[in-house]
Amino acid sequence: MNPKLVILGIQTILKIICEKIIIKNINIINKSNNFNGKIDELHIRAESIIFNKINISNLDIYIRDIFLRFQFYKKKFLINNCIADVHMRLSKDNINRTIHNKKWNRLKTSIESFISMSFQSIDINKNSIYFINSDGFTKSETFYTLEYEKHNISLVNNNNQEKLPILNDKNIIINNLVFSKSYIGIQLTSKIMIN
């Protein structure tokens, strides 16, 4: 199988499964010169992504030991179970656009119930999340952070330490979560299978 054909197939898959994506680079590393459907390492860099109505600024995906099959009669790639290390950045604008999408109404409602106020946007400042109401004000004495465990991420009230689970997925392992002034960085490991 030609590596250029594989890169084209991966680009096509990404453009099908994402509502929007700008692919910056796809790099394939094979230890042997024989390319028989196995890829030793695959690195994908992308930006300005919308996947499953989630807005993402930057995305780096590292996948090892991928087995690709191409079904010529269906003209599609099949990717068997493989593990991906994913590094993503979510800016406050990404989070605001995501949380106001109709698909995520239940999450927004759960957060509003948890924080006891309706909000129009969030702000990220000093490793904390602030919720801003329609008048542009926030309860300045109440701020929130994110906490992660193996399979979930929770919103935590820093006053009383109450938690609201906002992500819980057994197929994902959260490795790290980092706050910056302008974004939240998440590192995770996930199984990937595309049929």
C-alpha atoms as a PDB file:
ATOM      1  CA  MET A   1       0.000   0.000   0.000  1.00  0.00           C
ATOM      2  CA  ASN A   2       1.405   3.405  -0.974  1.00  0.00           C
ATOM      3  CA  PRO A   3       2.062   5.773   2.012  1.00  0.00           C
ATOM      4  CA  LYS A   4       0.704   8.713  -0.023  1.00  0.00           C
ATOM      5  CA  LEU A   5      -2.536   6.788  -0.527  1.00  0.00           C
ATOM      6  CA  VAL A   6      -2.670   6.119   3.235  1.00  0.00           C
ATOM      7  CA  ILE A   7      -2.200   9.826   4.021  1.00  0.00           C
ATOM      8  CA  LEU A   8      -4.949  10.689   1.548  1.00  0.00           C
ATOM      9  CA  GLY A   9      -7.203   8.051   3.173  1.00  0.00           C
ATOM     10  CA  ILE A  10      -6.518   9.457   6.668  1.00  0.00           C
ATOM     11  CA  GLN A  11      -7.242  13.008   5.467  1.00  0.00           C
ATOM     12  CA  THR A  12     -10.509  11.779   3.956  1.00  0.00           C
ATOM     13  CA  ILE A  13     -11.526   9.978   7.171  1.00  0.00           C
ATOM     14  CA  LEU A  14     -10.785  13.084   9.269  1.00  0.00           C
ATOM     15  CA  LYS A  15     -12.784  15.322   6.934  1.00  0.00           C
ATOM     16  CA  ILE A  16     -15.736  12.906   7.065  1.00  0.00           C
ATOM     17  CA  ILE A  17     -15.851  12.464  10.860  1.00  0.00           C
ATOM     18  CA  CYS A  18     -15.167  16.142  11.685  1.00  0.00           C
ATOM     19  CA  GLU A  19     -17.575  18.938  10.861  1.00  0.00           C
ATOM     20  CA  LYS A  20     -14.543  21.195  10.424  1.00  0.00           C
ATOM     21  CA  ILE A  21     -10.789  20.529  10.506  1.00  0.00           C
ATOM     22  CA  ILE A  22      -7.620  22.150   9.231  1.00  0.00           C
ATOM     23  CA  ILE A  23      -5.000  19.412   8.895  1.00  0.00           C
ATOM     24  CA  LYS A  24      -1.529  20.839   9.428  1.00  0.00           C
ATOM     25  CA  ASN A  25       0.551  17.680   9.116  1.00  0.00           C
ATOM     26  CA  ILE A  26       0.286  13.895   8.865  1.00  0.00           C
ATOM     27  CA  ASN A  27       3.505  11.980   9.430  1.00  0.00           C
ATOM     28  CA  ILE A  28       3.899   8.215   9.008  1.00  0.00           C
ATOM     29  CA  ILE A  29       6.902   6.391  10.470  1.00  0.00           C
ATOM     30  CA  ASN A  30       7.629   2.792   9.504  1.00  0.00           C
ATOM     31  CA  LYS A  31      10.732   0.984  10.719  1.00  0.00           C
ATOM     32  CA  SER A  32      10.803  -1.268   7.665  1.00  0.00           C
ATOM     33  CA  ASN A  33      10.503  -0.154   4.074  1.00  0.00           C
ATOM     34  CA  ASN A  34       7.789  -2.733   3.442  1.00  0.00           C
ATOM     35  CA  PHE A  35       4.392  -1.159   3.838  1.00  0.00           C
ATOM     36  CA  ASN A  36       1.865  -3.944   4.240  1.00  0.00           C
ATOM     37  CA  GLY A  37      -0.929  -2.155   6.090  1.00  0.00           C
ATOM     38  CA  LYS A  38       0.886  -1.806   9.412  1.00  0.00           C
ATOM     39  CA  ILE A  39       1.988   1.659  10.517  1.00  0.00           C
ATOM     40  CA  ASP A  40       4.511   1.805  13.354  1.00  0.00           C
ATOM     41  CA  GLU A  41       3.741   5.430  14.244  1.00  0.00           C
ATOM     42  CA  LEU A  42       1.286   8.019  12.982  1.00  0.00           C
ATOM     43  CA  HIS A  43       1.329  11.666  14.058  1.00  0.00           C
ATOM     44  CA  ILE A  44      -1.523  14.002  13.104  1.00  0.00           C
ATOM     45  CA  ARG A  45      -1.513  17.743  13.812  1.00  0.00           C
ATOM     46  CA  ALA A  46      -4.669  19.763  13.214  1.00  0.00           C
ATOM     47  CA  GLU A  47      -6.346  22.995  14.291  1.00  0.00           C
ATOM     48  CA  SER A  48      -9.747  24.710  14.234  1.00  0.00           C
ATOM     49  CA  ILE A  49     -11.580  21.412  14.719  1.00  0.00           C
ATOM     50  CA  ILE A  50     -15.261  20.762  15.310  1.00  0.00           C
ATOM     51  CA  PHE A  51     -15.869  17.126  16.209  1.00  0.00           C
ATOM     52  CA  ASN A  52     -19.202  15.934  17.604  1.00  0.00           C
ATOM     53  CA  LYS A  53     -20.136  19.632  18.088  1.00  0.00           C
ATOM     54  CA  ILE A  54     -17.041  20.102  20.306  1.00  0.00           C
ATOM     55  CA  ASN A  55     -14.811  23.021  19.279  1.00  0.00           C
ATOM     56  CA  ILE A  56     -11.063  22.388  19.648  1.00  0.00           C
ATOM     57  CA  SER A  57      -8.243  24.882  18.974  1.00  0.00           C
ATOM     58  CA  ASN A  58      -5.341  22.486  18.448  1.00  0.00           C
ATOM     59  CA  LEU A  59      -5.040  18.728  18.315  1.00  0.00           C
ATOM     60  CA  ASP A  60      -2.016  16.422  18.294  1.00  0.00           C
ATOM     61  CA  ILE A  61      -2.692  12.701  17.893  1.00  0.00           C
ATOM     62  CA  TYR A  62       0.019  10.040  18.256  1.00  0.00           C
ATOM     63  CA  ILE A  63      -0.939   6.479  17.304  1.00  0.00           C
ATOM     64  CA  ARG A  64       1.295   3.396  17.400  1.00  0.00           C
ATOM     65  CA  ASP A  65       0.911  -0.018  15.795  1.00  0.00           C
ATOM     66  CA  ILE A  66      -1.998   0.678  13.459  1.00  0.00           C
ATOM     67  CA  PHE A  67      -3.309  -1.994  11.136  1.00  0.00           C
ATOM     68  CA  LEU A  68      -5.078  -0.559   8.098  1.00  0.00           C
ATOM     69  CA  ARG A  69      -7.191  -2.492   5.666  1.00  0.00           C
ATOM     70  CA  PHE A  70      -8.609  -1.066   2.497  1.00  0.00           C
ATOM     71  CA  GLN A  71     -11.886  -2.404   1.130  1.00  0.00           C
ATOM     72  CA  PHE A  72     -11.612  -1.725  -2.575  1.00  0.00           C
ATOM     73  CA  TYR A  73     -15.210  -2.653  -3.340  1.00  0.00           C
ATOM     74  CA  LYS A  74     -16.487  -0.210  -0.681  1.00  0.00           C
ATOM     75  CA  LYS A  75     -13.639   2.277  -1.232  1.00  0.00           C
ATOM     76  CA  LYS A  76     -12.954   2.811   2.467  1.00  0.00           C
ATOM     77  CA  PHE A  77     -10.262   2.279   5.075  1.00  0.00           C
ATOM     78  CA  LEU A  78     -10.777   0.117   8.137  1.00  0.00           C
ATOM     79  CA  ILE A  79      -8.705   0.823  11.242  1.00  0.00           C
ATOM     80  CA  ASN A  80      -8.623  -1.977  13.784  1.00  0.00           C
ATOM     81  CA  ASN A  81      -8.384  -1.347  17.525  1.00  0.00           C
ATOM     82  CA  CYS A  82      -5.417   0.861  18.281  1.00  0.00           C
ATOM     83  CA  ILE A  83      -4.484   3.250  21.063  1.00  0.00           C
ATOM     84  CA  ALA A  84      -4.084   6.995  20.480  1.00  0.00           C
ATOM     85  CA  ASP A  85      -2.400   9.573  22.693  1.00  0.00           C
ATOM     86  CA  VAL A  86      -4.280  12.830  22.185  1.00  0.00           C
ATOM     87  CA  HIS A  87      -3.221  16.331  23.234  1.00  0.00           C
ATOM     88  CA  MET A  88      -5.831  19.037  22.745  1.00  0.00           C
ATOM     89  CA  ARG A  89      -6.317  22.681  23.595  1.00  0.00           C
ATOM     90  CA  LEU A  90      -9.719  24.185  24.321  1.00  0.00           C
ATOM     91  CA  SER A  91      -9.805  27.985  24.447  1.00  0.00           C
ATOM     92  CA  LYS A  92     -12.521  29.753  26.418  1.00  0.00           C
ATOM     93  CA  ASP A  93     -14.085  30.676  23.041  1.00  0.00           C
ATOM     94  CA  ASN A  94     -14.062  26.963  22.066  1.00  0.00           C
ATOM     95  CA  ILE A  95     -15.770  26.061  25.362  1.00  0.00           C
ATOM     96  CA  ASN A  96     -18.340  28.851  25.027  1.00  0.00           C
ATOM     97  CA  ARG A  97     -19.233  27.845  21.451  1.00  0.00           C
ATOM     98  CA  THR A  98     -19.455  24.166  22.438  1.00  0.00           C
ATOM     99  CA  ILE A  99     -21.574  24.643  25.521  1.00  0.00           C
ATOM    100  CA  HIS A 100     -24.061  26.846  23.644  1.00  0.00           C
ATOM    101  CA  ASN A 101     -24.591  24.265  20.907  1.00  0.00           C
ATOM    102  CA  LYS A 102     -28.004  22.569  21.107  1.00  0.00           C
ATOM    103  CA  LYS A 103     -26.336  19.157  21.310  1.00  0.00           C
ATOM    104  CA  TRP A 104     -24.848  20.109  24.699  1.00  0.00           C
ATOM    105  CA  ASN A 105     -28.016  21.704  26.221  1.00  0.00           C
ATOM    106  CA  ARG A 106     -28.259  18.980  28.880  1.00  0.00           C
ATOM    107  CA  LEU A 107     -24.690  19.626  30.004  1.00  0.00           C
ATOM    108  CA  LYS A 108     -25.313  23.399  30.164  1.00  0.00           C
ATOM    109  CA  THR A 109     -28.502  22.830  32.162  1.00  0.00           C
ATOM    110  CA  SER A 110     -26.658  20.491  34.563  1.00  0.00           C
ATOM    111  CA  ILE A 111     -23.946  23.098  35.092  1.00  0.00           C
ATOM    112  CA  GLU A 112     -26.526  25.843  35.670  1.00  0.00           C
ATOM    113  CA  SER A 113     -28.244  23.679  38.261  1.00  0.00           C
ATOM    114  CA  PHE A 114     -24.893  22.893  39.902  1.00  0.00           C
ATOM    115  CA  ILE A 115     -23.748  26.548  40.082  1.00  0.00           C
ATOM    116  CA  SER A 116     -27.279  27.838  40.940  1.00  0.00           C
ATOM    117  CA  MET A 117     -27.382  30.426  38.165  1.00  0.00           C
ATOM    118  CA  SER A 118     -27.923  30.629  34.423  1.00  0.00           C
ATOM    119  CA  PHE A 119     -24.849  31.773  32.535  1.00  0.00           C
ATOM    120  CA  GLN A 120     -24.086  33.200  29.112  1.00  0.00           C
ATOM    121  CA  SER A 121     -20.358  32.508  28.992  1.00  0.00           C
ATOM    122  CA  ILE A 122     -17.317  31.380  30.927  1.00  0.00           C
ATOM    123  CA  ASP A 123     -14.021  33.059  31.651  1.00  0.00           C
ATOM    124  CA  ILE A 124     -10.735  31.337  32.497  1.00  0.00           C
ATOM    125  CA  ASN A 125      -8.439  33.223  34.852  1.00  0.00           C
ATOM    126  CA  LYS A 126      -5.742  32.115  37.313  1.00  0.00           C
ATOM    127  CA  ASN A 127      -6.435  28.371  36.924  1.00  0.00           C
ATOM    128  CA  SER A 128     -10.125  28.955  37.621  1.00  0.00           C
ATOM    129  CA  ILE A 129     -13.379  29.025  35.687  1.00  0.00           C
ATOM    130  CA  TYR A 130     -15.865  31.836  36.248  1.00  0.00           C
ATOM    131  CA  PHE A 131     -19.452  31.779  34.994  1.00  0.00           C
ATOM    132  CA  ILE A 132     -20.788  35.081  33.628  1.00  0.00           C
ATOM    133  CA  ASN A 133     -24.528  35.849  33.605  1.00  0.00           C
ATOM    134  CA  SER A 134     -26.448  37.753  30.916  1.00  0.00           C
ATOM    135  CA  ASP A 135     -25.656  41.107  32.617  1.00  0.00           C
ATOM    136  CA  GLY A 136     -21.933  40.402  32.299  1.00  0.00           C
ATOM    137  CA  PHE A 137     -21.458  39.766  36.005  1.00  0.00           C
ATOM    138  CA  THR A 138     -20.156  36.768  37.884  1.00  0.00           C
ATOM    139  CA  LYS A 139     -20.381  35.704  41.508  1.00  0.00           C
ATOM    140  CA  SER A 140     -16.832  36.837  42.211  1.00  0.00           C
ATOM    141  CA  GLU A 141     -16.635  34.908  45.474  1.00  0.00           C
ATOM    142  CA  THR A 142     -17.417  31.625  43.709  1.00  0.00           C
ATOM    143  CA  PHE A 143     -15.053  30.095  41.225  1.00  0.00           C
ATOM    144  CA  TYR A 144     -14.570  26.598  39.862  1.00  0.00           C
ATOM    145  CA  THR A 145     -11.778  24.346  38.683  1.00  0.00           C
ATOM    146  CA  LEU A 146     -11.610  21.069  36.822  1.00  0.00           C
ATOM    147  CA  GLU A 147     -10.428  17.867  38.426  1.00  0.00           C
ATOM    148  CA  TYR A 148      -9.662  14.640  36.623  1.00  0.00           C
ATOM    149  CA  GLU A 149      -9.479  10.993  37.522  1.00  0.00           C
ATOM    150  CA  LYS A 150      -8.848   8.010  35.268  1.00  0.00           C
ATOM    151  CA  HIS A 151     -12.037   8.108  33.154  1.00  0.00           C
ATOM    152  CA  ASN A 152     -13.713  11.365  34.128  1.00  0.00           C
ATOM    153  CA  ILE A 153     -13.446  15.123  34.466  1.00  0.00           C
ATOM    154  CA  SER A 154     -15.443  16.991  37.111  1.00  0.00           C
ATOM    155  CA  LEU A 155     -16.290  20.636  37.676  1.00  0.00           C
ATOM    156  CA  VAL A 156     -15.378  21.499  41.290  1.00  0.00           C
ATOM    157  CA  ASN A 157     -16.783  24.328  43.426  1.00  0.00           C
ATOM    158  CA  ASN A 158     -13.754  25.727  45.273  1.00  0.00           C
ATOM    159  CA  ASN A 159     -15.866  26.961  48.203  1.00  0.00           C
ATOM    160  CA  ASN A 160     -17.475  23.687  49.238  1.00  0.00           C
ATOM    161  CA  GLN A 161     -15.552  21.137  47.073  1.00  0.00           C
ATOM    162  CA  GLU A 162     -18.787  19.794  45.526  1.00  0.00           C
ATOM    163  CA  LYS A 163     -18.240  18.066  42.183  1.00  0.00           C
ATOM    164  CA  LEU A 164     -20.245  17.747  38.982  1.00  0.00           C
ATOM    165  CA  PRO A 165     -19.055  15.040  36.548  1.00  0.00           C
ATOM    166  CA  ILE A 166     -18.920  16.530  33.035  1.00  0.00           C
ATOM    167  CA  LEU A 167     -17.088  13.713  31.230  1.00  0.00           C
ATOM    168  CA  ASN A 168     -17.260  10.025  32.078  1.00  0.00           C
ATOM    169  CA  ASP A 169     -16.122   7.581  29.399  1.00  0.00           C
ATOM    170  CA  LYS A 170     -14.587   4.148  29.995  1.00  0.00           C
ATOM    171  CA  ASN A 171     -12.902   4.276  26.554  1.00  0.00           C
ATOM    172  CA  ILE A 172     -10.891   7.347  27.549  1.00  0.00           C
ATOM    173  CA  ILE A 173      -8.099   7.647  30.113  1.00  0.00           C
ATOM    174  CA  ILE A 174      -7.367  11.214  31.224  1.00  0.00           C
ATOM    175  CA  ASN A 175      -3.590  11.602  31.686  1.00  0.00           C
ATOM    176  CA  ASN A 176      -3.332  15.319  32.431  1.00  0.00           C
ATOM    177  CA  LEU A 177      -5.347  18.521  32.527  1.00  0.00           C
ATOM    178  CA  VAL A 178      -3.581  21.901  32.450  1.00  0.00           C
ATOM    179  CA  PHE A 179      -4.970  25.427  32.871  1.00  0.00           C
ATOM    180  CA  SER A 180      -3.447  28.361  31.035  1.00  0.00           C
ATOM    181  CA  LYS A 181      -4.701  31.930  31.015  1.00  0.00           C
ATOM    182  CA  SER A 182      -6.364  31.464  27.631  1.00  0.00           C
ATOM    183  CA  TYR A 183      -7.024  27.724  27.302  1.00  0.00           C
ATOM    184  CA  ILE A 184      -7.396  24.353  28.974  1.00  0.00           C
ATOM    185  CA  GLY A 185      -5.062  21.598  27.791  1.00  0.00           C
ATOM    186  CA  ILE A 186      -6.129  17.962  28.015  1.00  0.00           C
ATOM    187  CA  GLN A 187      -3.956  14.901  27.451  1.00  0.00           C
ATOM    188  CA  LEU A 188      -5.787  11.622  27.087  1.00  0.00           C
ATOM    189  CA  THR A 189      -5.456   8.096  25.778  1.00  0.00           C
ATOM    190  CA  SER A 190      -8.284   6.537  23.794  1.00  0.00           C
ATOM    191  CA  LYS A 191      -9.089   3.466  21.730  1.00  0.00           C
ATOM    192  CA  ILE A 192      -9.732   4.142  18.063  1.00  0.00           C
ATOM    193  CA  MET A 193     -11.651   1.937  15.674  1.00  0.00           C
ATOM    194  CA  ILE A 194     -13.033   3.122  12.342  1.00  0.00           C
ATOM    195  CA  ASN A 195     -15.136   0.777  10.211  1.00  0.00           C
END
